[in-house]
Amino acid sequence: MDSVIGLSSLHSCETHKQIKNIKNIPTNIKNTGDLHVDPVYLERLGFLNPIPFHTVKTKKHKTEVGSSPVIVSAIEPGKYDQAKTFIKSVQYFLPNLHLVMYDLGLGGSEASQLKKHCNTSRSCIVKKMEFEQYPSHIKDLDIKSYRPICIQEMLTEYDLILWSDSTDSFITGQISQSVEQAIENGILAWTIPQPTSAITHPKMFEYFEMDKENYIFHRAVKASQLIIYNTDHIHKELMLPWVRCSLAEECINPTGAQSVGCKEPKPLYLYSGCHRYDMSALNVILGHMFNYTSKIYAGKEQVFGVLTENGKNNTMPFFNMENSKSRK
């Protein structure tokens, strides 16, 4: 049970009752119950106060079934040029969708360029990541523990979001099949060749109290592109344990974990020596939720790729970013 130390004296008795209600959360969420996560963070992210879901139809920004997602991304310092290309791809392929860009600590020049570039579209919003509101390890961008938090912040406002890292770009505007699949199952993601057991430090399985043997044939998915439909099931069984792990450094970044020095193990399911942090946690949770198969939520459409300013990319015949305004 999380400690209630640190709660503001202004919090009501009702809030304390809500904290106690965490005892009643589903089994797979309690697997990280020994991790010390201040309930203040959980309350800030909408886990202690009831959040209306799509079936209630009272959320601030309502998303109806069959409508389009809000696109959410983030920019790390020094990666503005890649992000600029990403924003251009959204404006070209999906001009009618809203875009929220998290600023992860850009310097003055990059921050001003982002605001200027984003303001070329009325549907683009820049949001500063408030690292001071969370544990200090969230600032370590290498472990990407900010990603589940940014996603959850947006899910408190929108029912349906499409998260994409800004290092890739959209190569198509045909995403309806992917969105429908996400709405049906609550989540859609794109697979990688490796199983979850190969990209996850053994200690993370211990924190979740999961048997790593169940994951040797569980094909992992990327955390860099996700479509999430915020049902009650997704809120409690996916986002809560994922966020809790990201807020607890010993879970998201176990002692001895590293992201370099990967090897190709034989057989493939053995641990590669490279831990994928928030991506590893996501896959451990998804494996438990979906009976250790990713087929249900694996994306089939090719949506993302690499675009460059000279028009060359590795996934489509030709696209000149500078001439995009002339194309329909």
Protein backbone atom coordinates (compact mmCIF):
# COMPACT_ATOMS: atom_id res chain seq x y z
CA MET A 1 0.00 0.00 0.00
CA ASP A 2 1.43 3.40 -0.93
CA SER A 3 2.30 5.77 1.87
CA VAL A 4 0.04 8.77 2.26
CA ILE A 5 2.91 10.89 3.64
CA GLY A 6 3.25 14.06 1.63
CA LEU A 7 -0.42 14.59 0.90
CA SER A 8 -1.41 18.21 1.33
CA SER A 9 -3.37 19.11 4.43
CA LEU A 10 -5.91 20.63 2.09
CA HIS A 11 -6.84 17.19 0.77
CA SER A 12 -10.15 15.99 2.03
CA CYS A 13 -11.00 12.78 3.83
CA GLU A 14 -12.56 11.63 0.58
CA THR A 15 -9.16 11.69 -1.08
CA HIS A 16 -7.77 9.43 1.65
CA LYS A 17 -10.65 7.04 1.05
CA GLN A 18 -9.78 6.99 -2.65
CA ILE A 19 -6.18 6.14 -1.81
CA LYS A 20 -7.37 3.21 0.29
CA ASN A 21 -9.45 2.02 -2.65
CA ILE A 22 -6.22 1.13 -4.48
CA LYS A 23 -6.43 -2.12 -2.53
CA ASN A 24 -9.34 -3.04 -4.76
CA ILE A 25 -7.54 -2.59 -8.08
CA PRO A 26 -7.07 -5.63 -10.36
CA THR A 27 -4.45 -8.23 -9.51
CA ASN A 28 -1.94 -7.38 -12.22
CA ILE A 29 -1.86 -3.75 -11.06
CA LYS A 30 -1.09 -4.73 -7.48
CA ASN A 31 2.00 -6.56 -8.73
CA THR A 32 3.91 -3.29 -8.40
CA GLY A 33 2.33 -2.56 -5.02
CA ASP A 34 5.67 -2.88 -3.18
CA LEU A 35 7.03 0.09 -5.15
CA HIS A 36 6.88 3.37 -3.27
CA VAL A 37 4.89 5.79 -5.41
CA ASP A 38 3.58 8.92 -3.73
CA PRO A 39 -0.21 9.00 -4.14
CA VAL A 40 0.09 12.71 -4.99
CA TYR A 41 1.49 11.73 -8.39
CA LEU A 42 -1.30 9.23 -8.99
CA GLU A 43 -3.93 11.76 -8.05
CA ARG A 44 -2.37 14.35 -10.36
CA LEU A 45 -2.60 11.85 -13.21
CA GLY A 46 -6.23 10.96 -12.59
CA PHE A 47 -5.95 7.60 -10.86
CA LEU A 48 -7.41 8.47 -7.48
CA ASN A 49 -10.19 10.78 -8.62
CA PRO A 50 -12.80 9.20 -10.88
CA ILE A 51 -12.30 10.02 -14.58
CA PRO A 52 -15.32 9.91 -16.90
CA PHE A 53 -14.71 7.59 -19.83
CA HIS A 54 -16.15 7.55 -23.33
CA THR A 55 -19.25 5.70 -22.19
CA VAL A 56 -20.09 8.51 -19.77
CA LYS A 57 -19.73 11.24 -22.43
CA THR A 58 -18.75 14.01 -20.02
CA LYS A 59 -15.03 14.41 -20.62
CA LYS A 60 -13.71 17.87 -21.41
CA HIS A 61 -12.59 16.89 -24.91
CA LYS A 62 -15.02 14.22 -26.08
CA THR A 63 -13.99 11.66 -28.69
CA GLU A 64 -16.78 9.64 -30.25
CA VAL A 65 -16.26 6.18 -31.67
CA GLY A 66 -15.25 6.50 -35.30
CA SER A 67 -13.72 9.96 -34.92
CA SER A 68 -10.06 10.88 -35.18
CA PRO A 69 -7.38 10.80 -32.49
CA VAL A 70 -5.40 13.68 -31.07
CA ILE A 71 -1.75 13.30 -32.07
CA VAL A 72 0.73 13.68 -29.20
CA SER A 73 4.52 13.81 -29.41
CA ALA A 74 7.55 15.17 -27.57
CA ILE A 75 10.80 16.90 -28.50
CA GLU A 76 14.07 16.27 -26.70
CA PRO A 77 16.78 18.96 -26.64
CA GLY A 78 18.97 18.85 -29.73
CA LYS A 79 16.39 17.03 -31.84
CA TYR A 80 14.41 19.98 -33.15
CA ASP A 81 15.22 19.34 -36.83
CA GLN A 82 13.76 15.82 -36.65
CA ALA A 83 10.72 17.17 -34.85
CA LYS A 84 10.23 19.87 -37.48
CA THR A 85 10.02 17.18 -40.14
CA PHE A 86 7.56 15.25 -37.98
CA ILE A 87 5.33 18.32 -37.61
CA LYS A 88 5.45 18.88 -41.37
CA SER A 89 4.38 15.30 -41.98
CA VAL A 90 1.35 15.79 -39.70
CA GLN A 91 0.44 19.05 -41.44
CA TYR A 92 0.73 17.39 -44.85
CA PHE A 93 -0.86 13.98 -44.29
CA LEU A 94 -3.26 14.69 -41.41
CA PRO A 95 -3.94 18.44 -41.54
CA ASN A 96 -7.32 18.19 -39.80
CA LEU A 97 -6.05 16.49 -36.65
CA HIS A 98 -5.01 18.30 -33.49
CA LEU A 99 -1.34 18.00 -32.53
CA VAL A 100 0.14 18.43 -29.03
CA MET A 101 3.94 18.76 -28.86
CA TYR A 102 5.61 18.31 -25.46
CA ASP A 103 8.69 20.47 -24.90
CA LEU A 104 11.11 18.27 -22.91
CA GLY A 105 13.48 21.06 -21.96
CA LEU A 106 14.40 22.80 -25.21
CA GLY A 107 16.78 25.73 -25.07
CA GLY A 108 15.65 29.25 -25.85
CA SER A 109 16.36 29.10 -29.59
CA GLU A 110 14.82 25.67 -30.14
CA ALA A 111 11.81 26.51 -27.97
CA SER A 112 11.09 29.69 -29.90
CA GLN A 113 11.50 27.87 -33.23
CA LEU A 114 9.10 25.17 -32.10
CA LYS A 115 6.45 27.69 -31.10
CA LYS A 116 6.90 29.57 -34.36
CA HIS A 117 6.76 26.40 -36.47
CA CYS A 118 3.84 24.94 -34.52
CA ASN A 119 1.91 28.19 -34.81
CA THR A 120 1.78 27.81 -38.60
CA SER A 121 -1.13 25.48 -37.86
CA ARG A 122 -4.11 26.45 -35.71
CA SER A 123 -4.38 22.85 -34.54
CA CYS A 124 -0.84 22.61 -33.09
CA ILE A 125 -0.23 23.19 -29.37
CA VAL A 126 3.10 23.34 -27.50
CA LYS A 127 2.99 21.98 -23.94
CA LYS A 128 5.90 22.33 -21.53
CA MET A 129 6.71 19.13 -19.66
CA GLU A 130 6.58 20.01 -15.95
CA PHE A 131 9.38 17.76 -14.71
CA GLU A 132 9.36 19.47 -11.31
CA GLN A 133 5.94 17.91 -10.66
CA TYR A 134 7.39 14.38 -10.77
CA PRO A 135 10.30 12.34 -9.31
CA SER A 136 13.76 13.48 -10.40
CA HIS A 137 14.53 10.41 -12.54
CA ILE A 138 11.78 11.42 -14.99
CA LYS A 139 14.24 14.05 -16.28
CA ASP A 140 16.54 11.25 -17.48
CA LEU A 141 15.37 11.25 -21.09
CA ASP A 142 17.37 8.12 -21.94
CA ILE A 143 15.00 5.88 -19.97
CA LYS A 144 11.95 7.64 -21.43
CA SER A 145 9.92 7.36 -18.25
CA TYR A 146 8.33 10.63 -19.35
CA ARG A 147 6.49 8.86 -22.16
CA PRO A 148 3.81 7.03 -20.09
CA ILE A 149 3.32 10.21 -18.06
CA CYS A 150 2.81 12.43 -21.11
CA ILE A 151 0.38 9.89 -22.54
CA GLN A 152 -1.59 9.68 -19.29
CA GLU A 153 -1.71 13.47 -18.97
CA MET A 154 -3.33 13.62 -22.39
CA LEU A 155 -5.71 10.76 -21.58
CA THR A 156 -7.15 12.84 -18.74
CA GLU A 157 -8.31 15.28 -21.44
CA TYR A 158 -8.90 13.16 -24.55
CA ASP A 159 -10.44 9.73 -25.03
CA LEU A 160 -8.42 8.77 -28.08
CA ILE A 161 -4.79 9.70 -28.68
CA LEU A 162 -2.09 8.69 -31.11
CA TRP A 163 1.35 8.95 -29.57
CA SER A 164 4.36 9.11 -31.87
CA ASP A 165 7.96 9.94 -31.09
CA SER A 166 9.04 12.91 -33.18
CA THR A 167 12.07 11.06 -34.56
CA ASP A 168 9.84 9.33 -37.13
CA SER A 169 7.22 10.86 -39.40
CA PHE A 170 3.88 10.00 -40.91
CA ILE A 171 4.13 8.64 -44.44
CA THR A 172 0.39 8.34 -45.01
CA GLY A 173 -2.89 9.81 -43.92
CA GLN A 174 -4.65 6.46 -44.15
CA ILE A 175 -4.96 5.57 -40.49
CA SER A 176 -8.65 4.71 -40.18
CA GLN A 177 -8.09 0.95 -39.97
CA SER A 178 -5.54 1.41 -37.21
CA VAL A 179 -7.83 3.75 -35.28
CA GLU A 180 -10.75 1.33 -35.54
CA GLN A 181 -8.56 -1.52 -34.30
CA ALA A 182 -7.42 0.61 -31.35
CA ILE A 183 -11.00 1.49 -30.45
CA GLU A 184 -12.00 -2.17 -30.58
CA ASN A 185 -9.19 -3.41 -28.32
CA GLY A 186 -8.23 -0.28 -26.39
CA ILE A 187 -4.74 -0.10 -27.83
CA LEU A 188 -2.83 -0.56 -31.07
CA ALA A 189 0.95 -0.79 -31.42
CA TRP A 190 3.52 -1.95 -33.95
CA THR A 191 5.63 -5.06 -33.37
CA ILE A 192 9.38 -5.62 -33.47
CA PRO A 193 11.05 -8.98 -34.25
CA GLN A 194 12.21 -9.62 -30.67
CA PRO A 195 10.14 -11.22 -27.93
CA THR A 196 9.56 -9.35 -24.68
CA SER A 197 11.94 -11.68 -22.81
CA ALA A 198 14.85 -10.47 -24.97
CA ILE A 199 14.39 -6.75 -24.26
CA THR A 200 13.48 -6.84 -20.56
CA HIS A 201 15.85 -6.93 -17.62
CA PRO A 202 15.02 -9.95 -15.42
CA LYS A 203 14.47 -7.72 -12.37
CA MET A 204 11.55 -5.98 -14.06
CA PHE A 205 9.70 -9.30 -14.25
CA GLU A 206 10.34 -9.65 -10.52
CA TYR A 207 8.87 -6.22 -9.78
CA PHE A 208 5.72 -7.12 -11.69
CA GLU A 209 5.72 -10.62 -10.16
CA MET A 210 5.52 -12.13 -13.63
CA ASP A 211 7.14 -15.34 -14.89
CA LYS A 212 9.55 -14.38 -17.67
CA GLU A 213 9.05 -17.79 -19.23
CA ASN A 214 5.59 -16.63 -20.31
CA TYR A 215 7.19 -13.96 -22.48
CA ILE A 216 9.65 -15.98 -24.54
CA PHE A 217 7.18 -16.18 -27.42
CA HIS A 218 5.43 -12.88 -26.72
CA ARG A 219 6.34 -10.59 -29.61
CA ALA A 220 7.16 -7.13 -28.32
CA VAL A 221 5.74 -3.86 -29.63
CA LYS A 222 7.30 -0.43 -29.85
CA ALA A 223 6.35 2.27 -27.37
CA SER A 224 7.31 4.96 -29.88
CA GLN A 225 3.99 4.75 -31.75
CA LEU A 226 0.75 3.88 -29.97
CA ILE A 227 -2.95 4.51 -30.41
CA ILE A 228 -4.82 4.34 -27.11
CA TYR A 229 -8.57 4.48 -26.49
CA ASN A 230 -9.18 5.35 -22.88
CA THR A 231 -11.68 2.82 -21.61
CA ASP A 232 -12.00 1.94 -17.94
CA HIS A 233 -10.17 -1.33 -18.67
CA ILE A 234 -7.23 0.48 -20.30
CA HIS A 235 -7.14 3.07 -17.53
CA LYS A 236 -6.92 0.51 -14.72
CA GLU A 237 -5.06 -2.41 -16.24
CA LEU A 238 -2.67 -0.73 -18.66
CA MET A 239 -2.06 2.91 -17.83
CA LEU A 240 -2.04 2.61 -14.03
CA PRO A 241 0.64 -0.10 -13.77
CA TRP A 242 2.65 1.47 -16.63
CA VAL A 243 2.63 4.89 -14.96
CA ARG A 244 3.35 3.43 -11.52
CA CYS A 245 6.40 1.65 -12.90
CA SER A 246 7.63 4.79 -14.67
CA LEU A 247 7.31 6.77 -11.42
CA ALA A 248 9.36 4.20 -9.47
CA GLU A 249 12.97 4.27 -10.62
CA GLU A 250 13.72 0.78 -9.29
CA CYS A 251 11.00 -0.58 -11.59
CA ILE A 252 11.60 1.37 -14.80
CA ASN A 253 15.40 1.28 -14.44
CA PRO A 254 16.41 -1.82 -12.44
CA THR A 255 19.90 -2.02 -11.03
CA GLY A 256 22.20 -3.32 -13.75
CA ALA A 257 19.93 -2.34 -16.64
CA GLN A 258 21.48 -0.67 -19.68
CA SER A 259 20.46 0.17 -23.23
CA VAL A 260 23.84 -0.36 -24.93
CA GLY A 261 25.98 -3.40 -25.60
CA CYS A 262 23.14 -5.43 -27.06
CA LYS A 263 23.92 -8.87 -28.38
CA GLU A 264 21.90 -11.21 -30.57
CA PRO A 265 21.17 -14.12 -28.27
CA LYS A 266 20.69 -17.67 -29.43
CA PRO A 267 18.00 -18.70 -28.95
CA LEU A 268 16.32 -15.36 -29.67
CA TYR A 269 14.21 -15.31 -26.51
CA LEU A 270 17.21 -15.00 -24.16
CA TYR A 271 17.89 -11.57 -22.65
CA SER A 272 19.93 -9.50 -25.10
CA GLY A 273 21.62 -7.44 -22.40
CA CYS A 274 19.69 -4.33 -23.46
CA HIS A 275 16.75 -3.15 -21.40
CA ARG A 276 14.10 -0.96 -23.08
CA TYR A 277 12.78 0.74 -19.93
CA ASP A 278 9.22 2.06 -20.52
CA MET A 279 8.88 -0.14 -23.61
CA SER A 280 9.80 -3.22 -21.60
CA ALA A 281 7.26 -2.34 -18.91
CA LEU A 282 4.58 -1.76 -21.53
CA ASN A 283 5.13 -5.19 -23.03
CA VAL A 284 5.16 -6.99 -19.68
CA ILE A 285 1.78 -5.44 -18.91
CA LEU A 286 0.31 -6.08 -22.36
CA GLY A 287 1.42 -9.71 -22.26
CA HIS A 288 -0.52 -10.26 -19.05
CA MET A 289 -3.57 -8.36 -20.33
CA PHE A 290 -3.84 -10.18 -23.67
CA ASN A 291 -2.87 -13.73 -22.73
CA TYR A 292 0.70 -13.37 -24.04
CA THR A 293 -0.20 -12.72 -27.66
CA SER A 294 0.26 -9.42 -29.48
CA LYS A 295 -1.81 -10.35 -32.53
CA ILE A 296 -4.91 -8.72 -31.10
CA TYR A 297 -3.39 -5.25 -30.82
CA ALA A 298 -0.60 -5.39 -33.44
CA GLY A 299 -0.86 -2.73 -36.15
CA LYS A 300 -1.06 -3.86 -39.77
CA GLU A 301 -0.99 -0.56 -41.66
CA GLN A 302 2.37 1.02 -42.50
CA VAL A 303 1.91 4.49 -41.06
CA PHE A 304 5.37 5.73 -40.01
CA GLY A 305 8.73 6.09 -41.70
CA VAL A 306 11.61 8.48 -42.26
CA LEU A 307 11.17 11.59 -44.37
CA THR A 308 14.00 13.95 -45.30
CA GLU A 309 14.08 17.46 -46.65
CA ASN A 310 15.50 16.34 -50.01
CA GLY A 311 12.50 14.13 -50.66
CA LYS A 312 14.23 10.78 -50.05
CA ASN A 313 12.90 8.28 -47.57
CA ASN A 314 13.02 4.56 -47.05
CA THR A 315 9.32 3.77 -47.18
CA MET A 316 7.69 5.64 -50.08
CA PRO A 317 8.62 6.56 -53.67
CA PHE A 318 9.14 10.33 -53.44
CA PHE A 319 8.02 13.14 -51.21
CA ASN A 320 9.50 16.63 -51.21
CA MET A 321 8.70 18.30 -47.91
CA GLU A 322 9.28 21.76 -49.35
CA ASN A 323 6.68 21.20 -52.06
CA SER A 324 4.06 19.67 -49.80
CA LYS A 325 1.75 22.69 -49.96
CA SER A 326 1.15 22.12 -53.65
CA ARG A 327 0.00 18.54 -53.14
CA LYS A 328 -3.47 17.41 -52.06
